PDB file of N, CA and C in Angstrom:
ATOM      1  N   MET A   1       0.853  -1.184   0.000  1.00  0.00           N
ATOM      2  CA  MET A   1       0.000   0.000   0.000  1.00  0.00           C
ATOM      3  C   MET A   1       0.891   1.236   0.000  1.00  0.00           C
ATOM      4  N   ASP A   2       0.523   2.181  -0.761  1.00  0.00           N
ATOM      5  CA  ASP A   2       1.241   3.436  -0.827  1.00  0.00           C
ATOM      6  C   ASP A   2       1.233   4.098   0.552  1.00  0.00           C
ATOM      7  N   MET A   3       2.384   4.563   1.009  1.00  0.00           N
ATOM      8  CA  MET A   3       2.485   5.159   2.348  1.00  0.00           C
ATOM      9  C   MET A   3       1.567   6.364   2.515  1.00  0.00           C
ATOM     10  N   ILE A   4       1.372   7.118   1.469  1.00  0.00           N
ATOM     11  CA  ILE A   4       0.487   8.282   1.561  1.00  0.00           C
ATOM     12  C   ILE A   4      -0.938   7.821   1.860  1.00  0.00           C
ATOM     13  N   LYS A   5      -1.369   6.750   1.194  1.00  0.00           N
ATOM     14  CA  LYS A   5      -2.706   6.209   1.461  1.00  0.00           C
ATOM     15  C   LYS A   5      -2.811   5.727   2.895  1.00  0.00           C
ATOM     16  N   LEU A   6      -1.774   5.024   3.356  1.00  0.00           N
ATOM     17  CA  LEU A   6      -1.793   4.513   4.720  1.00  0.00           C
ATOM     18  C   LEU A   6      -1.838   5.653   5.733  1.00  0.00           C
ATOM     19  N   GLU A   7      -1.021   6.635   5.522  1.00  0.00           N
ATOM     20  CA  GLU A   7      -1.022   7.786   6.432  1.00  0.00           C
ATOM     21  C   GLU A   7      -2.377   8.491   6.429  1.00  0.00           C
ATOM     22  N   HIS A   8      -2.981   8.599   5.251  1.00  0.00           N
ATOM     23  CA  HIS A   8      -4.311   9.214   5.143  1.00  0.00           C
ATOM     24  C   HIS A   8      -5.331   8.398   5.937  1.00  0.00           C
ATOM     25  N   LEU A   9      -5.287   7.080   5.769  1.00  0.00           N
ATOM     26  CA  LEU A   9      -6.211   6.217   6.517  1.00  0.00           C
ATOM     27  C   LEU A   9      -6.006   6.359   8.019  1.00  0.00           C
ATOM     28  N   GLN A  10      -4.762   6.416   8.443  1.00  0.00           N
ATOM     29  CA  GLN A  10      -4.485   6.566   9.871  1.00  0.00           C
ATOM     30  C   GLN A  10      -5.060   7.869  10.412  1.00  0.00           C
ATOM     31  N   LEU A  11      -4.913   8.937   9.669  1.00  0.00           N
ATOM     32  CA  LEU A  11      -5.473  10.217  10.104  1.00  0.00           C
ATOM     33  C   LEU A  11      -6.994  10.158  10.171  1.00  0.00           C
ATOM     34  N   GLU A  12      -7.608   9.534   9.169  1.00  0.00           N
ATOM     35  CA  GLU A  12      -9.068   9.395   9.160  1.00  0.00           C
ATOM     36  C   GLU A  12      -9.538   8.552  10.341  1.00  0.00           C
ATOM     37  N   ILE A  13      -8.829   7.486  10.643  1.00  0.00           N
ATOM     38  CA  ILE A  13      -9.206   6.621  11.771  1.00  0.00           C
ATOM     39  C   ILE A  13      -9.072   7.378  13.080  1.00  0.00           C
ATOM     40  N   ASP A  14      -7.996   8.139  13.224  1.00  0.00           N
ATOM     41  CA  ASP A  14      -7.816   8.930  14.445  1.00  0.00           C
ATOM     42  C   ASP A  14      -8.942   9.936  14.648  1.00  0.00           C
ATOM     43  N   ALA A  15      -9.564  10.386  13.562  1.00  0.00           N
ATOM     44  CA  ALA A  15     -10.620  11.389  13.655  1.00  0.00           C
ATOM     45  C   ALA A  15     -11.997  10.791  13.942  1.00  0.00           C
ATOM     46  N   LEU A  16     -12.111   9.466  13.934  1.00  0.00           N
ATOM     47  CA  LEU A  16     -13.414   8.834  14.152  1.00  0.00           C
ATOM     48  C   LEU A  16     -13.911   9.041  15.577  1.00  0.00           C
ATOM     49  N   ALA A  17     -15.214   9.147  15.696  1.00  0.00           N
ATOM     50  CA  ALA A  17     -15.846   9.164  17.019  1.00  0.00           C
ATOM     51  C   ALA A  17     -15.735   7.764  17.611  1.00  0.00           C
ATOM     52  N   ASP A  18     -15.910   7.645  18.900  1.00  0.00           N
ATOM     53  CA  ASP A  18     -15.738   6.365  19.581  1.00  0.00           C
ATOM     54  C   ASP A  18     -16.598   5.258  18.976  1.00  0.00           C
ATOM     55  N   GLU A  19     -17.866   5.544  18.709  1.00  0.00           N
ATOM     56  CA  GLU A  19     -18.768   4.523  18.160  1.00  0.00           C
ATOM     57  C   GLU A  19     -18.353   4.127  16.747  1.00  0.00           C
ATOM     58  N   GLU A  20     -17.946   5.098  15.959  1.00  0.00           N
ATOM     59  CA  GLU A  20     -17.472   4.793  14.602  1.00  0.00           C
ATOM     60  C   GLU A  20     -16.209   3.938  14.653  1.00  0.00           C
ATOM     61  N   PHE A  21     -15.325   4.260  15.587  1.00  0.00           N
ATOM     62  CA  PHE A  21     -14.107   3.473  15.745  1.00  0.00           C
ATOM     63  C   PHE A  21     -14.443   2.041  16.155  1.00  0.00           C
ATOM     64  N   ALA A  22     -15.400   1.892  17.045  1.00  0.00           N
ATOM     65  CA  ALA A  22     -15.819   0.554  17.477  1.00  0.00           C
ATOM     66  C   ALA A  22     -16.394  -0.234  16.298  1.00  0.00           C
ATOM     67  N   GLN A  23     -17.186   0.421  15.460  1.00  0.00           N
ATOM     68  CA  GLN A  23     -17.738  -0.238  14.274  1.00  0.00           C
ATOM     69  C   GLN A  23     -16.628  -0.656  13.316  1.00  0.00           C
ATOM     70  N   LEU A  24     -15.664   0.216  13.119  1.00  0.00           N
ATOM     71  CA  LEU A  24     -14.538  -0.097  12.243  1.00  0.00           C
ATOM     72  C   LEU A  24     -13.737  -1.267  12.794  1.00  0.00           C
ATOM     73  N   ARG A  25     -13.510  -1.260  14.093  1.00  0.00           N
ATOM     74  CA  ARG A  25     -12.762  -2.343  14.741  1.00  0.00           C
ATOM     75  C   ARG A  25     -13.474  -3.675  14.547  1.00  0.00           C
ATOM     76  N   ARG A  26     -14.803  -3.688  14.701  1.00  0.00           N
ATOM     77  CA  ARG A  26     -15.574  -4.923  14.489  1.00  0.00           C
ATOM     78  C   ARG A  26     -15.486  -5.370  13.036  1.00  0.00           C
ATOM     79  N   TRP A  27     -15.598  -4.413  12.110  1.00  0.00           N
ATOM     80  CA  TRP A  27     -15.519  -4.744  10.691  1.00  0.00           C
ATOM     81  C   TRP A  27     -14.146  -5.326  10.340  1.00  0.00           C
ATOM     82  N   ILE A  28     -13.097  -4.722  10.849  1.00  0.00           N
ATOM     83  CA  ILE A  28     -11.746  -5.210  10.565  1.00  0.00           C
ATOM     84  C   ILE A  28     -11.551  -6.602  11.151  1.00  0.00           C
ATOM     85  N   ALA A  29     -12.033  -6.835  12.355  1.00  0.00           N
ATOM     86  CA  ALA A  29     -11.900  -8.160  12.963  1.00  0.00           C
ATOM     87  C   ALA A  29     -12.639  -9.206  12.133  1.00  0.00           C
ATOM     88  N   GLU A  30     -13.843  -8.892  11.700  1.00  0.00           N
ATOM     89  CA  GLU A  30     -14.621  -9.823  10.882  1.00  0.00           C
ATOM     90  C   GLU A  30     -13.926 -10.080   9.547  1.00  0.00           C
ATOM     91  N   ARG A  31     -13.432  -9.024   8.939  1.00  0.00           N
ATOM     92  CA  ARG A  31     -12.725  -9.175   7.653  1.00  0.00           C
ATOM     93  C   ARG A  31     -11.454  -9.992   7.820  1.00  0.00           C
ATOM     94  N   ASP A  32     -10.760  -9.799   8.920  1.00  0.00           N
ATOM     95  CA  ASP A  32      -9.543 -10.559   9.201  1.00  0.00           C
ATOM     96  C   ASP A  32      -9.861 -12.052   9.305  1.00  0.00           C
ATOM     97  N   TRP A  33     -10.924 -12.400  10.042  1.00  0.00           N
ATOM     98  CA  TRP A  33     -11.333 -13.803  10.149  1.00  0.00           C
ATOM     99  C   TRP A  33     -11.740 -14.355   8.797  1.00  0.00           C
ATOM    100  N   GLN A  34     -12.432 -13.558   8.001  1.00  0.00           N
ATOM    101  CA  GLN A  34     -12.858 -14.002   6.670  1.00  0.00           C
ATOM    102  C   GLN A  34     -11.642 -14.315   5.794  1.00  0.00           C
ATOM    103  N   ARG A  35     -10.657 -13.443   5.807  1.00  0.00           N
ATOM    104  CA  ARG A  35      -9.439 -13.690   5.024  1.00  0.00           C
ATOM    105  C   ARG A  35      -8.707 -14.924   5.531  1.00  0.00           C
ATOM    106  N   TRP A  36      -8.664 -15.100   6.846  1.00  0.00           N
ATOM    107  CA  TRP A  36      -8.014 -16.276   7.424  1.00  0.00           C
ATOM    108  C   TRP A  36      -8.728 -17.540   6.955  1.00  0.00           C
ATOM    109  N   ASP A  37     -10.064 -17.545   7.001  1.00  0.00           N
ATOM    110  CA  ASP A  37     -10.843 -18.694   6.532  1.00  0.00           C
ATOM    111  C   ASP A  37     -10.570 -18.982   5.065  1.00  0.00           C
ATOM    112  N   GLU A  38     -10.536 -17.939   4.243  1.00  0.00           N
ATOM    113  CA  GLU A  38     -10.273 -18.121   2.815  1.00  0.00           C
ATOM    114  C   GLU A  38      -8.891 -18.715   2.585  1.00  0.00           C
ATOM    115  N   GLN A  39      -7.897 -18.241   3.335  1.00  0.00           N
ATOM    116  CA  GLN A  39      -6.542 -18.760   3.186  1.00  0.00           C
ATOM    117  C   GLN A  39      -6.464 -20.204   3.645  1.00  0.00           C
ATOM    118  N   LEU A  40      -7.137 -20.518   4.737  1.00  0.00           N
ATOM    119  CA  LEU A  40      -7.155 -21.893   5.235  1.00  0.00           C
ATOM    120  C   LEU A  40      -7.793 -22.828   4.211  1.00  0.00           C
ATOM    121  N   GLU A  41      -8.910 -22.422   3.649  1.00  0.00           N
ATOM    122  CA  GLU A  41      -9.576 -23.237   2.629  1.00  0.00           C
ATOM    123  C   GLU A  41      -8.675 -23.444   1.417  1.00  0.00           C
ATOM    124  N   ALA A  42      -7.963 -22.397   1.000  1.00  0.00           N
ATOM    125  CA  ALA A  42      -7.046 -22.522  -0.139  1.00  0.00           C
ATOM    126  C   ALA A  42      -5.899 -23.465   0.197  1.00  0.00           C
ATOM    127  N   ASP A  43      -5.361 -23.358   1.399  1.00  0.00           N
ATOM    128  CA  ASP A  43      -4.266 -24.235   1.812  1.00  0.00           C
ATOM    129  C   ASP A  43      -4.707 -25.697   1.854  1.00  0.00           C
ATOM    130  N   VAL A  44      -5.912 -25.944   2.360  1.00  0.00           N
ATOM    131  CA  VAL A  44      -6.445 -27.308   2.390  1.00  0.00           C
ATOM    132  C   VAL A  44      -6.618 -27.835   0.973  1.00  0.00           C
ATOM    133  N   ALA A  45      -7.191 -27.026   0.089  1.00  0.00           N
ATOM    134  CA  ALA A  45      -7.425 -27.446  -1.289  1.00  0.00           C
ATOM    135  C   ALA A  45      -6.120 -27.750  -2.019  1.00  0.00           C
ATOM    136  N   GLU A  46      -5.060 -27.039  -1.670  1.00  0.00           N
ATOM    137  CA  GLU A  46      -3.757 -27.241  -2.310  1.00  0.00           C
ATOM    138  C   GLU A  46      -2.949 -28.351  -1.648  1.00  0.00           C
ATOM    139  N   GLY A  47      -3.504 -28.944  -0.574  1.00  0.00           N
ATOM    140  CA  GLY A  47      -2.807 -30.039   0.098  1.00  0.00           C
ATOM    141  C   GLY A  47      -1.701 -29.599   1.043  1.00  0.00           C
ATOM    142  N   LYS A  48      -1.646 -28.320   1.340  1.00  0.00           N
ATOM    143  CA  LYS A  48      -0.578 -27.810   2.202  1.00  0.00           C
ATOM    144  C   LYS A  48      -0.676 -28.294   3.645  1.00  0.00           C
ATOM    145  N   LEU A  49      -1.851 -28.778   4.037  1.00  0.00           N
ATOM    146  CA  LEU A  49      -2.037 -29.232   5.415  1.00  0.00           C
ATOM    147  C   LEU A  49      -2.148 -30.749   5.514  1.00  0.00           C
ATOM    148  N   ASP A  50      -1.870 -31.438   4.421  1.00  0.00           N
ATOM    149  CA  ASP A  50      -1.965 -32.895   4.428  1.00  0.00           C
ATOM    150  C   ASP A  50      -1.027 -33.526   5.455  1.00  0.00           C
ATOM    151  N   PHE A  51       0.081 -32.858   5.730  1.00  0.00           N
ATOM    152  CA  PHE A  51       1.017 -33.386   6.716  1.00  0.00           C
ATOM    153  C   PHE A  51       0.354 -33.546   8.085  1.00  0.00           C
ATOM    154  N   LEU A  52      -0.637 -32.707   8.392  1.00  0.00           N
ATOM    155  CA  LEU A  52      -1.344 -32.831   9.667  1.00  0.00           C
ATOM    156  C   LEU A  52      -2.166 -34.120   9.712  1.00  0.00           C
ATOM    157  N   LEU A  53      -2.800 -34.460   8.603  1.00  0.00           N
ATOM    158  CA  LEU A  53      -3.545 -35.717   8.540  1.00  0.00           C
ATOM    159  C   LEU A  53      -2.599 -36.897   8.699  1.00  0.00           C
ATOM    160  N   ASP A  54      -1.420 -36.801   8.086  1.00  0.00           N
ATOM    161  CA  ASP A  54      -0.425 -37.854   8.217  1.00  0.00           C
ATOM    162  C   ASP A  54       0.011 -38.013   9.671  1.00  0.00           C
ATOM    163  N   GLU A  55       0.231 -36.910  10.360  1.00  0.00           N
ATOM    164  CA  GLU A  55       0.640 -36.959  11.768  1.00  0.00           C
ATOM    165  C   GLU A  55      -0.446 -37.597  12.631  1.00  0.00           C
ATOM    166  N   VAL A  56      -1.697 -37.255  12.360  1.00  0.00           N
ATOM    167  CA  VAL A  56      -2.801 -37.834  13.123  1.00  0.00           C
ATOM    168  C   VAL A  56      -2.885 -39.336  12.869  1.00  0.00           C
ATOM    169  N   SER A  57      -2.768 -39.736  11.617  1.00  0.00           N
ATOM    170  CA  SER A  57      -2.816 -41.161  11.275  1.00  0.00           C
ATOM    171  C   SER A  57      -1.694 -41.919  11.974  1.00  0.00           C
ATOM    172  N   GLU A  58      -0.500 -41.357  11.977  1.00  0.00           N
ATOM    173  CA  GLU A  58       0.638 -41.987  12.652  1.00  0.00           C
ATOM    174  C   GLU A  58       0.398 -42.079  14.153  1.00  0.00           C
ATOM    175  N   ALA A  59      -0.159 -41.035  14.733  1.00  0.00           N
ATOM    176  CA  ALA A  59      -0.427 -41.038  16.173  1.00  0.00           C
ATOM    177  C   ALA A  59      -1.493 -42.069  16.526  1.00  0.00           C
ATOM    178  N   ILE A  60      -2.492 -42.229  15.679  1.00  0.00           N
ATOM    179  CA  ILE A  60      -3.531 -43.240  15.913  1.00  0.00           C
ATOM    180  C   ILE A  60      -2.921 -44.626  15.847  1.00  0.00           C
ATOM    181  N   GLU A  61      -2.097 -44.867  14.830  1.00  0.00           N
ATOM    182  CA  GLU A  61      -1.453 -46.165  14.684  1.00  0.00           C
ATOM    183  C   GLU A  61      -0.530 -46.475  15.852  1.00  0.00           C
ATOM    184  N   ALA A  62       0.148 -45.461  16.367  1.00  0.00           N
ATOM    185  CA  ALA A  62       1.072 -45.648  17.483  1.00  0.00           C
ATOM    186  C   ALA A  62       0.335 -45.734  18.821  1.00  0.00           C
ATOM    187  N   GLY A  63      -0.940 -45.413  18.813  1.00  0.00           N
ATOM    188  CA  GLY A  63      -1.722 -45.434  20.056  1.00  0.00           C
ATOM    189  C   GLY A  63      -1.430 -44.266  20.964  1.00  0.00           C
ATOM    190  N   SER A  64      -0.843 -43.218  20.421  1.00  0.00           N
ATOM    191  CA  SER A  64      -0.491 -42.069  21.265  1.00  0.00           C
ATOM    192  C   SER A  64      -1.491 -40.925  21.178  1.00  0.00           C
ATOM    193  N   LEU A  65      -2.596 -41.169  20.511  1.00  0.00           N
ATOM    194  CA  LEU A  65      -3.628 -40.146  20.371  1.00  0.00           C
ATOM    195  C   LEU A  65      -4.815 -40.534  21.218  1.00  0.00           C
ATOM    196  N   ARG A  66      -5.341 -39.594  21.956  1.00  0.00           N
ATOM    197  CA  ARG A  66      -6.525 -39.889  22.764  1.00  0.00           C
ATOM    198  C   ARG A  66      -7.616 -38.903  22.424  1.00  0.00           C
ATOM    199  N   GLU A  67      -8.844 -39.354  22.552  1.00  0.00           N
ATOM    200  CA  GLU A  67      -9.986 -38.488  22.261  1.00  0.00           C
ATOM    201  C   GLU A  67     -10.185 -37.494  23.384  1.00  0.00           C
ATOM    202  N   LEU A  68     -10.671 -36.339  23.026  1.00  0.00           N
ATOM    203  CA  LEU A  68     -10.955 -35.303  24.028  1.00  0.00           C
ATOM    204  C   LEU A  68     -12.298 -35.503  24.647  1.00  0.00           C
TER     205      LEU A  68
END
C-alpha cells in the first residue's frame, strides 16, 4: 500500500468518534477472520495441510492419540 494512502487512513481513523471506531474495529476483525478462513480453505485445497492428517494417522497407529 502506498504510504500516503496509509497515512491518510491513519489520520481518518484517528478522527473517528468512539462509536465509529468501534464499528470499524468490528468490521476489521470480521474481515480478518474471513481472510483467514479463505486462506485456510485454499491451503487445504492445495494439500498444504496434508502433513497434519499424516501426523494424526501416525499417532492413531502408534496409540499415542486420545480423544478429548
